Each structure stands twice: as structure tokens, then as C-alpha cells.
């Protein structure tokens, strides 16, 4: 096909024409194999059909209507590998998606990334002009809130809401709210205010920033008011992505990571996510990690430096003791993270050793031309 033939196609249609999905067959075949024998449809066809519905944001009846349509569905039937005389029923893709665990789809996504890495389309080393060929890629990590399918009925819903009646407790009542006594027939299997379709979904109020008020005591009332207005209520989940930066195309390649309840802190998923990433993509060399200040905790910083051997491009987290000069002198660095000499003068950055993974700081004898130190204990 020429470029003119591909013009006007969306991303999904382009993928159907340009990507070989045969690597999905052994992965999805594990899921669809039953004691009744092999499935009547190709596992790859079923997998792509469910993704088509996700991409178009179609419900199941709409997906089935478009597939069987004599005119609009002809091209999809051909591209997805369905026989015009033997098409799946309405319930087939719903069963395929609802009963297929996330690990199967994750393996499918990884197979595509591994193929693109093999052809050097997804970089495994740095693509920044001037970098050494042995320099690892830049990884940018971030989390995203994902809405649950169900509407929230209680913001205090927890795993206890699904326990047997004799063992069940009510977190809402413990928090002084109305809660539920679980004394109705609707509460037999679970609390009637729980969401059985999304038992792992949780409520969180996202404040719109990653610095808590306790960590920023110098924040003005106007700043606090502006910050609080950015918040939003959310019920659902949180996903963390590990993005490979590609300077050749000025873009990034997203690698799916952990998927947890929305009220889990971002930084708690970072180290397990990196461990899982290294297991899935052992050929990926990580040279630097970029993230916001919400990830700049000590254990994460040490992990990036000691375990990954990568540069840490993370803003510093503000802490209340940063405004105490005596504490800065005792620990040896100021509120910005710059090392201090014993007399309170800031040292000067003198480059980074990429082989030893060490930054170098030197004394420029600031005390000779600056009477007052940068940090004074008084």
C-alpha cells in the first residue's frame, strides 16, 4: 500500500495494516482454551475485536451492529480475520473481555513493544544527539487516575464491605458517618452501598499538587486557597506508566505499569514497578529517571542511584526543616540540595561522572569574596 492509501486512517486502522499481531495467538490461546476444545474463532481476532470496541468507545450492541453491517463492517471483518458467514454473537466479545485477566493483555502489549525494540523503532539506549551509544534511555514516570465503571455509593468502601456478615465492619460508621447496618437482604453477599463490579475501586480526593500542607508550612493563604480549588473527587483506580523518551521523534513510548486503587500513594508503586519493568524488558538500559516531586522520597532516590545506576532528574520535596539553618548545616546541604562547606558556603557543581554515577562539587573559595555565608546558624 502507498502512503495515499493510508491517508485519513486513524491509529487503530493503521495498526491493523502495519503490525503483525500473530504473536498474540499463543498468549490469548491460553485464555480461550477450555475442556470443550479450541474456540470457534481465532484468539487474535477476538482480542482485536475487543480492542476495537475500546478504541471506538462502543458498547457491546454497537460493536456487534458495526461488525455485522453489510457495508461498514466489511473492512473490519476482513482485517480482523472473521468469515462473513460465521460471525461471533453479541455475547462472544463481552465474554472474551470480561473474563480475560489483565495479565494476558499486558503480555500482548509487551509483545508489541519487544517487536518494536527488536527493529530499533522503540529505543533501548539514549537517542539524545551527542550522547554515548552506551547511554541508557530516559524514563519519565507518572500516574493517571482511571474512573471506575460503577458509580460511587460510599466513599469509605473497603475490602471489609465484601466479608461475611459476621466479620463485616463499617468504615463509614467508624469515621462518624451514617454508614450501613447491613441488616437488609441486599446486604447478604456484600454491603448494599458497595460496588460489586468494582470491588477494588477506592475514593480519593486529588488536591492537584504533590506537596502536603505539613511539608510546606510557609505557603500563604492565597496559595493554599488556589491550590485547594484545583482538587477533584475521584472514585476508581490509579495506573502508573513508564515512558521511554524518544528524541528522534520528539515523543515517548508508554509502557504500562502497576494498576492499583486510586487511594494508593504514587511513590509506593515506583520501586515494584521498576522491578517489574526490568523483568519484562531485561534489554532495556535505563540511563536517567524523570518524575515530579511526589516521587522524590529517599528510598526511591537510593533505588534509582544504587540499583538502576541512573541519573535522578527529580525536583526536591520541600520539608519543614529546610527553613532551619542549623539543620541544613548539620546535614550538609541547603534547601535546594546544594552541598555546603562546614562554614555555610555553597559548593559549586563541577560536572557528573557517568561511569561512576557521581556528581562532583568543588570549593570556589566563595568565602574570599563573600563576607556572609549562604547559610548562617543564627
Protein backbone atom coordinates (compact mmCIF):
# COMPACT_ATOMS: atom_id res chain seq x y z
CA UNK A 1 0.00 0.00 0.00
CA UNK A 2 1.13 3.54 -0.74
CA UNK A 3 1.08 6.48 1.63
CA UNK A 4 -2.02 7.75 -0.16
CA UNK A 5 -3.84 4.53 0.70
CA UNK A 6 -3.08 5.06 4.40
CA UNK A 7 -4.02 8.74 4.46
CA UNK A 8 -7.06 9.50 6.60
CA UNK A 9 -6.88 6.29 8.65
CA UNK A 10 -6.91 6.54 12.43
CA UNK A 11 -4.31 4.89 14.67
CA UNK A 12 -6.26 1.65 15.09
CA UNK A 13 -6.78 1.19 11.35
CA UNK A 14 -3.10 1.90 10.74
CA UNK A 15 -2.11 -0.72 13.33
CA UNK A 16 -4.29 -3.33 11.63
CA UNK A 17 -2.47 -2.73 8.35
CA UNK A 18 1.10 -2.28 9.57
CA UNK A 19 1.51 -4.57 12.60
CA UNK A 20 1.69 -8.37 12.69
CA UNK A 21 -0.37 -9.49 15.69
CA UNK A 22 0.37 -13.20 15.31
CA UNK A 23 2.50 -13.07 18.50
CA UNK A 24 -0.77 -12.65 20.41
CA UNK A 25 -2.08 -16.05 19.31
CA UNK A 26 -0.21 -18.27 21.82
CA UNK A 27 -0.89 -15.73 24.61
CA UNK A 28 -4.64 -15.45 24.12
CA UNK A 29 -4.93 -19.15 23.20
CA UNK A 30 -4.02 -19.97 26.83
CA UNK A 31 -7.03 -17.95 27.96
CA UNK A 32 -9.61 -19.27 25.48
CA UNK A 33 -8.69 -22.96 25.69
CA UNK A 34 -11.36 -24.99 27.55
CA UNK A 35 -12.26 -28.61 28.17
CA UNK A 36 -14.68 -28.30 25.22
CA UNK A 37 -11.83 -27.88 22.75
CA UNK A 38 -10.39 -24.91 20.87
CA UNK A 39 -12.54 -21.78 20.43
CA UNK A 40 -14.53 -21.41 17.21
CA UNK A 41 -12.75 -18.13 16.43
CA UNK A 42 -9.11 -17.14 16.17
CA UNK A 43 -7.93 -15.78 19.56
CA UNK A 44 -6.22 -12.87 17.79
CA UNK A 45 -9.49 -11.94 16.08
CA UNK A 46 -11.35 -11.96 19.40
CA UNK A 47 -8.62 -9.88 21.05
CA UNK A 48 -8.58 -7.27 18.30
CA UNK A 49 -12.37 -7.13 18.25
CA UNK A 50 -12.49 -6.23 21.95
CA UNK A 51 -9.80 -3.58 21.41
CA UNK A 52 -11.82 -2.14 18.53
CA UNK A 53 -14.75 -1.63 20.89
CA UNK A 54 -12.46 0.03 23.44
CA UNK A 55 -10.88 2.28 20.82
CA UNK A 56 -14.21 3.41 19.37
CA UNK A 57 -15.81 3.62 22.82
CA UNK A 58 -18.66 1.40 21.61
CA UNK A 59 -20.88 -0.62 23.89
CA UNK A 60 -21.39 -4.29 23.09
CA UNK A 61 -24.57 -3.89 20.98
CA UNK A 62 -22.95 -1.13 18.91
CA UNK A 63 -19.81 -3.22 18.39
CA UNK A 64 -21.86 -6.18 17.17
CA UNK A 65 -24.02 -3.95 14.93
CA UNK A 66 -20.95 -2.41 13.26
CA UNK A 67 -19.31 -5.81 12.77
CA UNK A 68 -22.29 -7.41 11.02
CA UNK A 69 -23.15 -4.30 8.98
CA UNK A 70 -23.01 -5.29 5.27
CA UNK A 71 -21.16 -2.14 4.23
CA UNK A 72 -19.33 -0.56 7.17
CA UNK A 73 -18.31 -3.86 8.74
CA UNK A 74 -16.86 -5.48 5.63
CA UNK A 75 -13.38 -3.99 6.01
CA UNK A 76 -13.24 -4.77 9.75
CA UNK A 77 -14.31 -8.37 9.19
CA UNK A 78 -11.54 -8.78 6.63
CA UNK A 79 -8.87 -7.08 8.74
CA UNK A 80 -9.84 -8.90 11.94
CA UNK A 81 -9.95 -12.29 10.23
CA UNK A 82 -13.67 -13.14 10.51
CA UNK A 83 -15.61 -15.16 7.97
CA UNK A 84 -18.64 -13.28 6.64
CA UNK A 85 -20.69 -16.46 7.01
CA UNK A 86 -19.54 -17.24 10.56
CA UNK A 87 -19.53 -14.16 12.80
CA UNK A 88 -19.43 -14.08 16.63
CA UNK A 89 -22.61 -13.40 18.53
CA UNK A 90 -23.21 -10.37 20.73
CA UNK A 91 -22.10 -12.18 23.89
CA UNK A 92 -18.81 -13.52 22.47
CA UNK A 93 -16.62 -10.38 22.72
CA UNK A 94 -18.23 -9.48 26.07
CA UNK A 95 -17.23 -12.85 27.46
CA UNK A 96 -13.77 -12.59 25.92
CA UNK A 97 -13.06 -9.23 27.57
CA UNK A 98 -14.82 -9.57 30.93
CA UNK A 99 -13.31 -12.98 31.72
CA UNK A 100 -9.80 -12.31 30.41
CA UNK A 101 -7.39 -11.19 33.11
CA UNK A 102 -5.25 -8.10 32.71
CA UNK A 103 -2.06 -10.19 32.63
CA UNK A 104 -2.99 -11.54 29.18
CA UNK A 105 -3.46 -8.06 27.74
CA UNK A 106 -0.23 -6.94 29.38
CA UNK A 107 1.64 -9.78 27.69
CA UNK A 108 0.10 -8.76 24.37
CA UNK A 109 1.22 -5.16 24.84
CA UNK A 110 4.73 -6.31 25.83
CA UNK A 111 4.99 -8.49 22.72
CA UNK A 112 4.37 -5.45 20.52
CA UNK A 113 6.96 -3.39 22.39
CA UNK A 114 9.54 -6.18 22.19
CA UNK A 115 8.99 -6.42 18.44
CA UNK A 116 9.42 -2.66 18.02
CA UNK A 117 12.56 -2.77 20.18
CA UNK A 118 13.99 -5.57 18.03
CA UNK A 119 13.64 -3.32 14.97
CA UNK A 120 15.05 -0.31 16.91
CA UNK A 121 11.78 1.56 16.47
CA UNK A 122 11.45 1.81 20.24
CA UNK A 123 14.86 2.86 21.61
CA UNK A 124 16.73 0.81 24.19
CA UNK A 125 19.56 3.38 24.54
CA UNK A 126 19.61 7.16 24.61
CA UNK A 127 18.52 8.95 21.44
CA UNK A 128 19.67 12.41 22.52
CA UNK A 129 22.17 13.78 19.96
CA UNK A 130 25.68 13.75 21.38
CA UNK A 131 25.03 11.05 23.97
CA UNK A 132 27.26 7.99 24.12
CA UNK A 133 25.91 4.87 22.35
CA UNK A 134 26.12 3.14 25.72
CA UNK A 135 23.99 5.74 27.49
CA UNK A 136 20.67 4.32 28.70
CA UNK A 137 17.23 5.66 27.83
CA UNK A 138 15.40 8.36 29.73
CA UNK A 139 12.34 7.09 31.62
CA UNK A 140 9.61 9.51 32.68
CA UNK A 141 7.18 8.10 35.23
CA UNK A 142 3.74 9.42 36.04
CA UNK A 143 0.40 8.20 37.36
CA UNK A 144 -3.08 8.67 35.99
CA UNK A 145 -6.47 8.38 37.68
CA UNK A 146 -8.87 5.99 35.95
CA UNK A 147 -12.63 6.11 36.54
CA UNK A 148 -14.40 3.00 37.78
CA UNK A 149 -17.26 1.54 35.76
CA UNK A 150 -19.57 1.85 38.76
CA UNK A 151 -20.88 4.99 40.42
CA UNK A 152 -19.63 5.53 43.95
CA UNK A 153 -22.21 4.83 46.66
CA UNK A 154 -19.96 5.23 49.69
CA UNK A 155 -16.60 6.99 49.90
CA UNK A 156 -15.50 4.69 52.75
CA UNK A 157 -15.93 1.44 50.81
CA UNK A 158 -13.22 -1.09 51.63
CA UNK A 159 -12.50 -4.79 51.39
CA UNK A 160 -14.38 -5.29 54.64
CA UNK A 161 -17.64 -4.49 52.82
CA UNK A 162 -17.36 -7.84 51.00
CA UNK A 163 -16.66 -10.03 54.02
CA UNK A 164 -19.31 -12.36 55.53
CA UNK A 165 -21.87 -10.57 57.70
CA UNK A 166 -20.36 -11.86 60.94
CA UNK A 167 -16.94 -10.44 60.04
CA UNK A 168 -18.05 -7.25 58.31
CA UNK A 169 -17.27 -3.81 59.73
CA UNK A 170 -18.31 -0.38 58.50
CA UNK A 171 -15.53 2.14 57.92
CA UNK A 172 -18.09 4.90 57.39
CA UNK A 173 -19.57 4.42 60.88
CA UNK A 174 -16.08 4.33 62.36
CA UNK A 175 -15.45 7.69 60.69
CA UNK A 176 -18.61 9.17 62.21
CA UNK A 177 -20.71 8.93 59.06
CA UNK A 178 -24.13 7.37 58.57
CA UNK A 179 -22.76 4.16 57.13
CA UNK A 180 -24.79 0.98 56.75
CA UNK A 181 -26.01 -1.54 59.31
CA UNK A 182 -26.01 -4.34 56.70
CA UNK A 183 -29.34 -5.63 58.05
CA UNK A 184 -31.24 -5.84 54.75
CA UNK A 185 -31.48 -8.70 52.23
CA UNK A 186 -29.49 -6.55 49.79
CA UNK A 187 -26.53 -6.77 52.16
CA UNK A 188 -26.42 -10.56 52.26
CA UNK A 189 -23.38 -11.03 49.96
CA UNK A 190 -21.87 -7.58 50.36
CA UNK A 191 -22.82 -4.18 51.70
CA UNK A 192 -25.55 -2.68 49.54
CA UNK A 193 -23.52 0.51 49.25
CA UNK A 194 -20.50 -1.29 47.83
CA UNK A 195 -19.83 -1.70 44.11
CA UNK A 196 -19.54 -5.43 43.28
CA UNK A 197 -18.45 -4.72 39.70
CA UNK A 198 -15.54 -2.65 41.05
CA UNK A 199 -14.62 -4.21 44.40
CA UNK A 200 -11.06 -2.83 44.24
CA UNK A 201 -12.04 0.75 43.36
CA UNK A 202 -11.48 3.37 46.05
CA UNK A 203 -12.31 7.02 46.65
CA UNK A 204 -9.64 9.72 46.78
CA UNK A 205 -9.66 13.49 46.79
CA UNK A 206 -6.86 14.61 44.50
CA UNK A 207 -5.65 18.01 45.67
CA UNK A 208 -3.92 18.90 42.41
CA UNK A 209 -0.39 19.05 43.84
CA UNK A 210 2.18 16.70 45.33
CA UNK A 211 3.27 18.75 48.34
CA UNK A 212 1.25 18.32 51.54
CA UNK A 213 0.49 21.31 53.75
CA UNK A 214 2.65 19.85 56.52
CA UNK A 215 5.64 19.84 54.17
CA UNK A 216 5.08 23.45 53.09
CA UNK A 217 4.32 25.50 56.20
CA UNK A 218 5.38 28.76 54.54
CA UNK A 219 2.60 28.61 51.95
CA UNK A 220 0.44 31.75 52.03
CA UNK A 221 -3.32 31.68 52.50
CA UNK A 222 -3.80 32.78 48.88
CA UNK A 223 -1.59 29.94 47.67
CA UNK A 224 -3.47 27.44 49.85
CA UNK A 225 -6.82 28.65 48.51
CA UNK A 226 -5.65 28.48 44.88
CA UNK A 227 -4.19 25.03 45.48
CA UNK A 228 -7.35 23.65 47.11
CA UNK A 229 -9.51 24.88 44.22
CA UNK A 230 -7.65 22.54 41.87
CA UNK A 231 -8.76 19.43 43.72
CA UNK A 232 -11.26 16.90 42.44
CA UNK A 233 -13.17 13.91 43.78
CA UNK A 234 -12.37 10.59 42.16
CA UNK A 235 -13.60 7.03 42.52
CA UNK A 236 -11.72 4.31 40.72
CA UNK A 237 -8.14 3.30 40.14
CA UNK A 238 -4.65 4.62 39.51
CA UNK A 239 -2.29 3.46 36.79
CA UNK A 240 1.43 4.18 36.58
CA UNK A 241 3.16 4.45 33.21
CA UNK A 242 6.89 4.24 32.45
CA UNK A 243 7.51 6.37 29.36
CA UNK A 244 10.60 5.94 27.17
CA UNK A 245 11.61 9.35 25.81
CA UNK A 246 12.45 9.30 22.10
CA UNK A 247 14.36 12.42 20.99
CA UNK A 248 14.35 11.26 17.37
CA UNK A 249 10.60 11.73 17.07
CA UNK A 250 10.10 14.18 19.95
CA UNK A 251 7.69 11.74 21.56
CA UNK A 252 7.56 8.97 24.14
CA UNK A 253 6.65 5.28 24.18
CA UNK A 254 4.40 4.35 27.09
CA UNK A 255 4.97 1.07 28.94
CA UNK A 256 2.06 0.12 31.22
CA UNK A 257 2.95 -0.42 34.85
CA UNK A 258 1.09 -1.05 38.06
CA UNK A 259 -2.69 -0.67 38.32
CA UNK A 260 -4.00 -0.16 41.85
CA UNK A 261 -6.79 1.50 43.82
CA UNK A 262 -6.99 5.28 43.46
CA UNK A 263 -6.14 5.95 47.13
CA UNK A 264 -2.72 4.27 46.95
CA UNK A 265 0.16 6.75 47.03
CA UNK A 266 2.07 7.13 43.77
CA UNK A 267 5.51 6.57 45.23
CA UNK A 268 4.57 3.21 46.75
CA UNK A 269 4.23 1.76 43.23
CA UNK A 270 7.51 3.11 41.85
CA UNK A 271 10.07 0.55 43.05
CA UNK A 272 7.82 -2.50 42.41
CA UNK A 273 7.02 -1.01 39.01
CA UNK A 274 10.70 -0.66 38.09
CA UNK A 275 11.42 -4.21 39.28
CA UNK A 276 8.60 -5.49 37.06
CA UNK A 277 9.81 -3.34 34.15
CA UNK A 278 13.33 -4.80 34.35
CA UNK A 279 11.90 -8.31 34.46
CA UNK A 280 9.72 -7.77 31.38
CA UNK A 281 12.35 -5.85 29.38
CA UNK A 282 15.81 -7.05 30.50
CA UNK A 283 17.46 -5.50 27.44
CA UNK A 284 16.29 -2.00 28.39
CA UNK A 285 19.15 0.08 29.79
CA UNK A 286 17.89 2.96 31.95
CA UNK A 287 20.17 6.00 31.99
CA UNK A 288 18.04 8.59 33.75
CA UNK A 289 14.69 8.84 35.50
CA UNK A 290 12.42 11.88 35.33
CA UNK A 291 9.47 12.40 37.67
CA UNK A 292 7.77 15.05 39.80
CA UNK A 293 8.49 15.82 43.43
CA UNK A 294 5.90 13.29 44.54
CA UNK A 295 8.45 10.55 43.77
CA UNK A 296 11.42 12.19 45.47
CA UNK A 297 11.50 10.04 48.61
CA UNK A 298 14.74 8.69 49.99
CA UNK A 299 14.15 5.03 49.20
CA UNK A 300 13.25 5.85 45.58
CA UNK A 301 16.25 8.14 45.14
CA UNK A 302 18.57 5.44 46.53
CA UNK A 303 16.97 2.80 44.31
CA UNK A 304 17.49 4.89 41.15
CA UNK A 305 21.10 5.57 42.09
CA UNK A 306 22.16 2.20 43.54
CA UNK A 307 20.01 -0.34 41.66
CA UNK A 308 19.41 1.37 38.32
CA UNK A 309 22.67 3.32 38.22
CA UNK A 310 20.75 6.17 36.61
CA UNK A 311 20.62 9.93 36.89
CA UNK A 312 17.88 11.29 39.15
CA UNK A 313 16.06 14.16 37.47
CA UNK A 314 13.51 14.72 40.23
CA UNK A 315 12.61 18.02 41.91
CA UNK A 316 13.30 18.17 45.62
CA UNK A 317 10.49 17.65 48.08
CA UNK A 318 10.03 20.60 50.37
CA UNK A 319 10.35 19.80 54.06
CA UNK A 320 9.66 21.89 57.15
CA UNK A 321 13.27 21.62 58.39
CA UNK A 322 14.54 23.25 55.18
CA UNK A 323 13.95 26.65 56.84
CA UNK A 324 16.16 25.78 59.80
CA UNK A 325 19.76 26.89 59.04
CA UNK A 326 21.19 24.76 61.84
CA UNK A 327 19.60 21.64 60.38
CA UNK A 328 20.95 22.49 56.90
CA UNK A 329 24.48 22.89 58.29
CA UNK A 330 24.21 19.65 60.26
CA UNK A 331 23.04 17.59 57.29
CA UNK A 332 25.49 19.29 54.87
CA UNK A 333 23.18 20.72 52.16
CA UNK A 334 20.74 23.60 51.80
CA UNK A 335 17.02 23.64 50.93
CA UNK A 336 17.86 23.32 47.21
CA UNK A 337 20.04 20.26 47.71
CA UNK A 338 23.35 22.01 47.12
CA UNK A 339 26.21 20.81 49.37
CA UNK A 340 27.55 23.20 51.99
CA UNK A 341 31.03 23.58 53.36
CA UNK A 342 31.40 23.47 57.20
CA UNK A 343 31.30 27.29 57.23
CA UNK A 344 27.93 27.52 55.43
CA UNK A 345 29.08 28.44 51.91
CA UNK A 346 27.52 26.69 48.93
CA UNK A 347 29.82 24.45 46.89
CA UNK A 348 29.89 24.73 43.09
CA UNK A 349 28.80 21.98 40.71
CA UNK A 350 31.71 20.59 38.70
CA UNK A 351 30.14 18.02 36.37
CA UNK A 352 28.86 14.46 36.53
CA UNK A 353 30.85 11.25 36.12
CA UNK A 354 28.58 8.96 34.08
CA UNK A 355 30.77 5.90 34.67
CA UNK A 356 30.88 6.22 38.44
CA UNK A 357 27.42 7.81 38.66
CA UNK A 358 28.76 10.59 40.85
CA UNK A 359 28.27 14.34 40.71
CA UNK A 360 31.29 16.47 41.59
CA UNK A 361 31.21 19.59 43.76
CA UNK A 362 34.19 21.86 44.48
CA UNK A 363 35.02 24.83 46.66
CA UNK A 364 35.37 28.03 44.64
CA UNK A 365 36.54 29.94 47.74
CA UNK A 366 33.34 31.95 47.97
CA UNK A 367 34.40 32.96 51.47
CA UNK A 368 37.20 35.09 49.97
CA UNK A 369 34.82 37.45 48.19
CA UNK A 370 31.57 36.94 50.13
CA UNK A 371 31.56 38.10 53.72
CA UNK A 372 28.38 36.38 54.83
CA UNK A 373 27.89 32.60 54.31
CA UNK A 374 24.93 31.37 52.31
CA UNK A 375 23.54 29.58 55.37
CA UNK A 376 24.07 31.10 58.80
CA UNK A 377 23.15 29.27 62.01
CA UNK A 378 21.73 32.47 63.54
